[in-house]
Amino acid sequence: MRSIVFSLLCFASVAHAAPAELDWLELMPAEDRRALEEMPEIEHNSPEANGFSDQGGLKQGAGLPEVMYSAKTVPALNGQTIRLGGYPVPLETDSKGRSTEFFLVPYPGACIHVPPPPPNQIVMVRYPAGIALEDIYAPLWVDGTLRIEPVSNDLADAAYVITAAEVSLVDESDL
């Protein structure tokens, strides 16, 4: 009887465990990671700096390495249930003001004040339940199914989409 109870408890803890955490660099194919490592330092100036378009985002041909525009993906990740930590860039809200669609980016302020990451480092999050985003500089955990799906809007282009099962603020104890 004890072994059955123990087995059920173990199963319950596994069933509620967070999905495997994905590192942002794992979203890039190996050749893009190598190119990124070899890239010179980029200035993170205001949006008026050279290299930005007047709609936001990077201009093609602004003298930056091609990896900064890469939408190359990792096919093996398509359909995987993952956990990804990052920062939100709100796009759509529901009637209660909760964000239901947002870009998730690897560093705060991306797509707004600094050069945005390449499309394969921007993930569109669709979360119908919505989350109140009081501070876009507060990091989030997003758990859900990752799909390769190009998305484009005025702010940026994304190479991936997560249909989120859960979105939560990162707790300091998680770090």
C-alpha atoms as a PDB file:
ATOM      1  CA  MET A   1       0.000   0.000   0.000  1.00  0.00           C
ATOM      2  CA  ARG A   2       2.846   2.403   0.867  1.00  0.00           C
ATOM      3  CA  SER A   3       4.457   1.812  -2.508  1.00  0.00           C
ATOM      4  CA  ILE A   4       1.206   2.704  -4.286  1.00  0.00           C
ATOM      5  CA  VAL A   5       0.850   5.942  -2.293  1.00  0.00           C
ATOM      6  CA  PHE A   6       4.524   6.764  -2.897  1.00  0.00           C
ATOM      7  CA  SER A   7       4.107   6.082  -6.632  1.00  0.00           C
ATOM      8  CA  LEU A   8       1.044   8.334  -6.791  1.00  0.00           C
ATOM      9  CA  LEU A   9       2.864  11.129  -4.975  1.00  0.00           C
ATOM     10  CA  CYS A  10       5.831  10.836  -7.318  1.00  0.00           C
ATOM     11  CA  PHE A  11       3.527  10.872 -10.343  1.00  0.00           C
ATOM     12  CA  ALA A  12       1.666  13.931  -9.023  1.00  0.00           C
ATOM     13  CA  SER A  13       4.903  15.875  -8.502  1.00  0.00           C
ATOM     14  CA  VAL A  14       6.103  14.990 -12.004  1.00  0.00           C
ATOM     15  CA  ALA A  15       2.740  15.876 -13.531  1.00  0.00           C
ATOM     16  CA  HIS A  16       2.877  19.365 -11.983  1.00  0.00           C
ATOM     17  CA  ALA A  17       6.563  19.985 -12.659  1.00  0.00           C
ATOM     18  CA  ALA A  18       7.474  22.768 -15.045  1.00  0.00           C
ATOM     19  CA  PRO A  19       8.497  21.761 -18.568  1.00  0.00           C
ATOM     20  CA  ALA A  20      12.172  21.626 -19.491  1.00  0.00           C
ATOM     21  CA  GLU A  21      13.729  25.091 -19.445  1.00  0.00           C
ATOM     22  CA  LEU A  22      15.021  26.250 -22.819  1.00  0.00           C
ATOM     23  CA  ASP A  23      17.968  28.618 -23.127  1.00  0.00           C
ATOM     24  CA  TRP A  24      17.562  31.440 -25.652  1.00  0.00           C
ATOM     25  CA  LEU A  25      20.637  30.361 -27.600  1.00  0.00           C
ATOM     26  CA  GLU A  26      19.018  26.956 -28.171  1.00  0.00           C
ATOM     27  CA  LEU A  27      16.521  28.746 -30.449  1.00  0.00           C
ATOM     28  CA  MET A  28      19.370  29.513 -32.861  1.00  0.00           C
ATOM     29  CA  PRO A  29      20.938  26.996 -35.229  1.00  0.00           C
ATOM     30  CA  ALA A  30      24.625  26.297 -34.488  1.00  0.00           C
ATOM     31  CA  GLU A  31      25.824  28.469 -37.386  1.00  0.00           C
ATOM     32  CA  ASP A  32      23.932  31.488 -36.013  1.00  0.00           C
ATOM     33  CA  ARG A  33      25.358  30.918 -32.519  1.00  0.00           C
ATOM     34  CA  ARG A  34      28.874  30.865 -33.977  1.00  0.00           C
ATOM     35  CA  ALA A  35      28.214  34.049 -35.975  1.00  0.00           C
ATOM     36  CA  LEU A  36      26.828  35.758 -32.874  1.00  0.00           C
ATOM     37  CA  GLU A  37      29.906  34.822 -30.843  1.00  0.00           C
ATOM     38  CA  GLU A  38      32.161  36.301 -33.540  1.00  0.00           C
ATOM     39  CA  MET A  39      30.114  39.495 -33.961  1.00  0.00           C
ATOM     40  CA  PRO A  40      31.583  42.846 -32.914  1.00  0.00           C
ATOM     41  CA  GLU A  41      29.961  44.790 -30.040  1.00  0.00           C
ATOM     42  CA  ILE A  42      26.740  46.626 -31.005  1.00  0.00           C
ATOM     43  CA  GLU A  43      25.957  50.083 -29.642  1.00  0.00           C
ATOM     44  CA  HIS A  44      22.645  50.196 -27.752  1.00  0.00           C
ATOM     45  CA  ASN A  45      21.791  53.827 -28.403  1.00  0.00           C
ATOM     46  CA  SER A  46      18.481  55.576 -28.840  1.00  0.00           C
ATOM     47  CA  PRO A  47      16.070  54.671 -31.660  1.00  0.00           C
ATOM     48  CA  GLU A  48      17.412  57.616 -33.660  1.00  0.00           C
ATOM     49  CA  ALA A  49      20.810  55.937 -33.949  1.00  0.00           C
ATOM     50  CA  ASN A  50      21.984  54.610 -37.282  1.00  0.00           C
ATOM     51  CA  GLY A  51      20.632  51.190 -38.022  1.00  0.00           C
ATOM     52  CA  PHE A  52      17.041  51.773 -36.958  1.00  0.00           C
ATOM     53  CA  SER A  53      14.118  52.254 -39.292  1.00  0.00           C
ATOM     54  CA  ASP A  54      11.632  55.033 -38.600  1.00  0.00           C
ATOM     55  CA  GLN A  55       9.009  52.371 -37.682  1.00  0.00           C
ATOM     56  CA  GLY A  56      11.276  50.783 -35.095  1.00  0.00           C
ATOM     57  CA  GLY A  57      13.369  47.690 -35.574  1.00  0.00           C
ATOM     58  CA  LEU A  58      16.566  47.296 -37.546  1.00  0.00           C
ATOM     59  CA  LYS A  59      17.064  48.383 -41.132  1.00  0.00           C
ATOM     60  CA  GLN A  60      18.391  45.705 -43.431  1.00  0.00           C
ATOM     61  CA  GLY A  61      21.826  46.653 -44.680  1.00  0.00           C
ATOM     62  CA  ALA A  62      22.580  48.992 -41.749  1.00  0.00           C
ATOM     63  CA  GLY A  63      26.102  47.594 -41.546  1.00  0.00           C
ATOM     64  CA  LEU A  64      25.233  44.940 -38.965  1.00  0.00           C
ATOM     65  CA  PRO A  65      26.163  41.285 -39.401  1.00  0.00           C
ATOM     66  CA  GLU A  66      23.549  39.139 -41.143  1.00  0.00           C
ATOM     67  CA  VAL A  67      22.961  37.113 -37.955  1.00  0.00           C
ATOM     68  CA  MET A  68      21.124  40.176 -36.534  1.00  0.00           C
ATOM     69  CA  TYR A  69      18.361  39.553 -39.104  1.00  0.00           C
ATOM     70  CA  SER A  70      18.303  35.758 -38.969  1.00  0.00           C
ATOM     71  CA  ALA A  71      14.997  33.939 -38.893  1.00  0.00           C
ATOM     72  CA  LYS A  72      16.656  30.506 -39.104  1.00  0.00           C
ATOM     73  CA  THR A  73      15.060  28.091 -36.654  1.00  0.00           C
ATOM     74  CA  VAL A  74      15.785  24.743 -35.023  1.00  0.00           C
ATOM     75  CA  PRO A  75      13.284  22.243 -36.509  1.00  0.00           C
ATOM     76  CA  ALA A  76      13.673  19.772 -33.609  1.00  0.00           C
ATOM     77  CA  LEU A  77      12.060  22.337 -31.269  1.00  0.00           C
ATOM     78  CA  ASN A  78       8.800  22.495 -33.239  1.00  0.00           C
ATOM     79  CA  GLY A  79       5.948  21.143 -31.111  1.00  0.00           C
ATOM     80  CA  GLN A  80       8.053  20.809 -27.942  1.00  0.00           C
ATOM     81  CA  THR A  81       6.601  21.718 -24.549  1.00  0.00           C
ATOM     82  CA  ILE A  82       9.101  24.114 -23.012  1.00  0.00           C
ATOM     83  CA  ARG A  83       9.677  26.783 -20.363  1.00  0.00           C
ATOM     84  CA  LEU A  84      11.313  30.003 -21.519  1.00  0.00           C
ATOM     85  CA  GLY A  85      12.230  32.958 -19.344  1.00  0.00           C
ATOM     86  CA  GLY A  86      12.319  36.455 -20.782  1.00  0.00           C
ATOM     87  CA  TYR A  87      10.841  39.927 -20.887  1.00  0.00           C
ATOM     88  CA  PRO A  88       7.473  40.923 -22.360  1.00  0.00           C
ATOM     89  CA  VAL A  89       6.760  43.424 -25.125  1.00  0.00           C
ATOM     90  CA  PRO A  90       2.946  43.817 -24.895  1.00  0.00           C
ATOM     91  CA  LEU A  91       0.946  43.653 -28.130  1.00  0.00           C
ATOM     92  CA  GLU A  92      -2.715  42.739 -27.400  1.00  0.00           C
ATOM     93  CA  THR A  93      -4.864  43.022 -24.269  1.00  0.00           C
ATOM     94  CA  ASP A  94      -8.279  41.727 -23.270  1.00  0.00           C
ATOM     95  CA  SER A  95     -11.195  43.769 -21.890  1.00  0.00           C
ATOM     96  CA  LYS A  96      -9.661  43.556 -18.391  1.00  0.00           C
ATOM     97  CA  GLY A  97      -6.329  44.974 -19.539  1.00  0.00           C
ATOM     98  CA  ARG A  98      -4.479  41.660 -19.307  1.00  0.00           C
ATOM     99  CA  SER A  99      -1.897  40.935 -21.991  1.00  0.00           C
ATOM    100  CA  THR A 100      -3.032  38.076 -24.194  1.00  0.00           C
ATOM    101  CA  GLU A 101      -0.388  38.463 -26.908  1.00  0.00           C
ATOM    102  CA  PHE A 102       3.137  39.707 -26.410  1.00  0.00           C
ATOM    103  CA  PHE A 103       6.619  39.195 -27.708  1.00  0.00           C
ATOM    104  CA  LEU A 104       8.979  37.468 -25.305  1.00  0.00           C
ATOM    105  CA  VAL A 105      12.556  38.694 -25.674  1.00  0.00           C
ATOM    106  CA  PRO A 106      15.824  37.724 -23.962  1.00  0.00           C
ATOM    107  CA  TYR A 107      16.631  41.151 -22.488  1.00  0.00           C
ATOM    108  CA  PRO A 108      14.535  44.030 -21.119  1.00  0.00           C
ATOM    109  CA  GLY A 109      13.563  46.856 -23.440  1.00  0.00           C
ATOM    110  CA  ALA A 110      14.198  44.903 -26.648  1.00  0.00           C
ATOM    111  CA  CYS A 111      12.173  46.225 -29.600  1.00  0.00           C
ATOM    112  CA  ILE A 112      11.638  49.503 -27.746  1.00  0.00           C
ATOM    113  CA  HIS A 113      14.849  51.346 -26.837  1.00  0.00           C
ATOM    114  CA  VAL A 114      17.634  49.113 -28.094  1.00  0.00           C
ATOM    115  CA  PRO A 115      18.236  47.104 -31.249  1.00  0.00           C
ATOM    116  CA  PRO A 116      15.793  44.199 -31.242  1.00  0.00           C
ATOM    117  CA  PRO A 117      17.149  40.679 -31.278  1.00  0.00           C
ATOM    118  CA  PRO A 118      17.022  38.727 -34.532  1.00  0.00           C
ATOM    119  CA  PRO A 119      13.674  37.039 -35.325  1.00  0.00           C
ATOM    120  CA  ASN A 120      14.966  33.686 -34.043  1.00  0.00           C
ATOM    121  CA  GLN A 121      15.451  35.368 -30.641  1.00  0.00           C
ATOM    122  CA  ILE A 122      11.920  36.804 -30.466  1.00  0.00           C
ATOM    123  CA  VAL A 123       8.974  34.588 -29.544  1.00  0.00           C
ATOM    124  CA  MET A 124       5.331  35.557 -29.990  1.00  0.00           C
ATOM    125  CA  VAL A 125       3.355  34.409 -26.937  1.00  0.00           C
ATOM    126  CA  ARG A 126      -0.369  33.737 -27.250  1.00  0.00           C
ATOM    127  CA  TYR A 127      -1.967  33.468 -23.811  1.00  0.00           C
ATOM    128  CA  PRO A 128      -5.792  33.696 -23.953  1.00  0.00           C
ATOM    129  CA  ALA A 129      -6.050  33.653 -20.129  1.00  0.00           C
ATOM    130  CA  GLY A 130      -4.028  36.883 -20.082  1.00  0.00           C
ATOM    131  CA  ILE A 131      -1.620  38.280 -17.524  1.00  0.00           C
ATOM    132  CA  ALA A 132      -1.455  41.727 -15.965  1.00  0.00           C
ATOM    133  CA  LEU A 133       1.886  43.188 -17.000  1.00  0.00           C
ATOM    134  CA  GLU A 134       2.584  46.010 -14.601  1.00  0.00           C
ATOM    135  CA  ASP A 135       6.302  46.214 -15.395  1.00  0.00           C
ATOM    136  CA  ILE A 136       7.790  45.186 -18.747  1.00  0.00           C
ATOM    137  CA  TYR A 137      11.186  45.052 -17.059  1.00  0.00           C
ATOM    138  CA  ALA A 138      10.032  42.240 -14.752  1.00  0.00           C
ATOM    139  CA  PRO A 139      10.999  38.825 -16.176  1.00  0.00           C
ATOM    140  CA  LEU A 140       8.423  36.128 -16.897  1.00  0.00           C
ATOM    141  CA  TRP A 141       8.333  32.356 -17.186  1.00  0.00           C
ATOM    142  CA  VAL A 142       6.301  31.137 -20.147  1.00  0.00           C
ATOM    143  CA  ASP A 143       5.353  27.444 -20.229  1.00  0.00           C
ATOM    144  CA  GLY A 144       3.751  26.049 -23.347  1.00  0.00           C
ATOM    145  CA  THR A 145       4.101  24.529 -26.775  1.00  0.00           C
ATOM    146  CA  LEU A 146       6.721  26.074 -29.052  1.00  0.00           C
ATOM    147  CA  ARG A 147       6.025  26.224 -32.774  1.00  0.00           C
ATOM    148  CA  ILE A 148       8.028  27.472 -35.721  1.00  0.00           C
ATOM    149  CA  GLU A 149       5.760  30.166 -37.122  1.00  0.00           C
ATOM    150  CA  PRO A 150       6.936  33.457 -38.620  1.00  0.00           C
ATOM    151  CA  VAL A 151       5.102  36.494 -37.195  1.00  0.00           C
ATOM    152  CA  SER A 152       5.619  40.067 -38.308  1.00  0.00           C
ATOM    153  CA  ASN A 153       4.295  43.364 -37.016  1.00  0.00           C
ATOM    154  CA  ASP A 154       5.401  47.009 -36.839  1.00  0.00           C
ATOM    155  CA  LEU A 155       7.674  46.394 -33.836  1.00  0.00           C
ATOM    156  CA  ALA A 156       9.542  43.278 -34.876  1.00  0.00           C
ATOM    157  CA  ASP A 157       9.552  39.903 -36.573  1.00  0.00           C
ATOM    158  CA  ALA A 158       9.461  36.635 -34.637  1.00  0.00           C
ATOM    159  CA  ALA A 159      10.407  33.171 -35.878  1.00  0.00           C
ATOM    160  CA  TYR A 160       8.641  31.231 -33.108  1.00  0.00           C
ATOM    161  CA  VAL A 161       5.263  31.197 -31.350  1.00  0.00           C
ATOM    162  CA  ILE A 162       4.416  29.754 -27.935  1.00  0.00           C
ATOM    163  CA  THR A 163       0.854  28.841 -27.145  1.00  0.00           C
ATOM    164  CA  ALA A 164       1.174  29.386 -23.418  1.00  0.00           C
ATOM    165  CA  ALA A 165      -0.396  27.093 -20.850  1.00  0.00           C
ATOM    166  CA  GLU A 166       0.966  29.242 -18.021  1.00  0.00           C
ATOM    167  CA  VAL A 167       2.688  32.618 -17.692  1.00  0.00           C
ATOM    168  CA  SER A 168       4.067  33.788 -14.361  1.00  0.00           C
ATOM    169  CA  LEU A 169       6.467  36.326 -12.933  1.00  0.00           C
ATOM    170  CA  VAL A 170       9.946  35.012 -12.207  1.00  0.00           C
ATOM    171  CA  ASP A 171      10.426  34.699  -8.474  1.00  0.00           C
ATOM    172  CA  GLU A 172      13.880  35.450  -7.070  1.00  0.00           C
ATOM    173  CA  SER A 173      13.872  31.980  -5.535  1.00  0.00           C
ATOM    174  CA  ASP A 174      13.745  30.569  -9.108  1.00  0.00           C
ATOM    175  CA  LEU A 175      17.149  32.043  -9.895  1.00  0.00           C
END
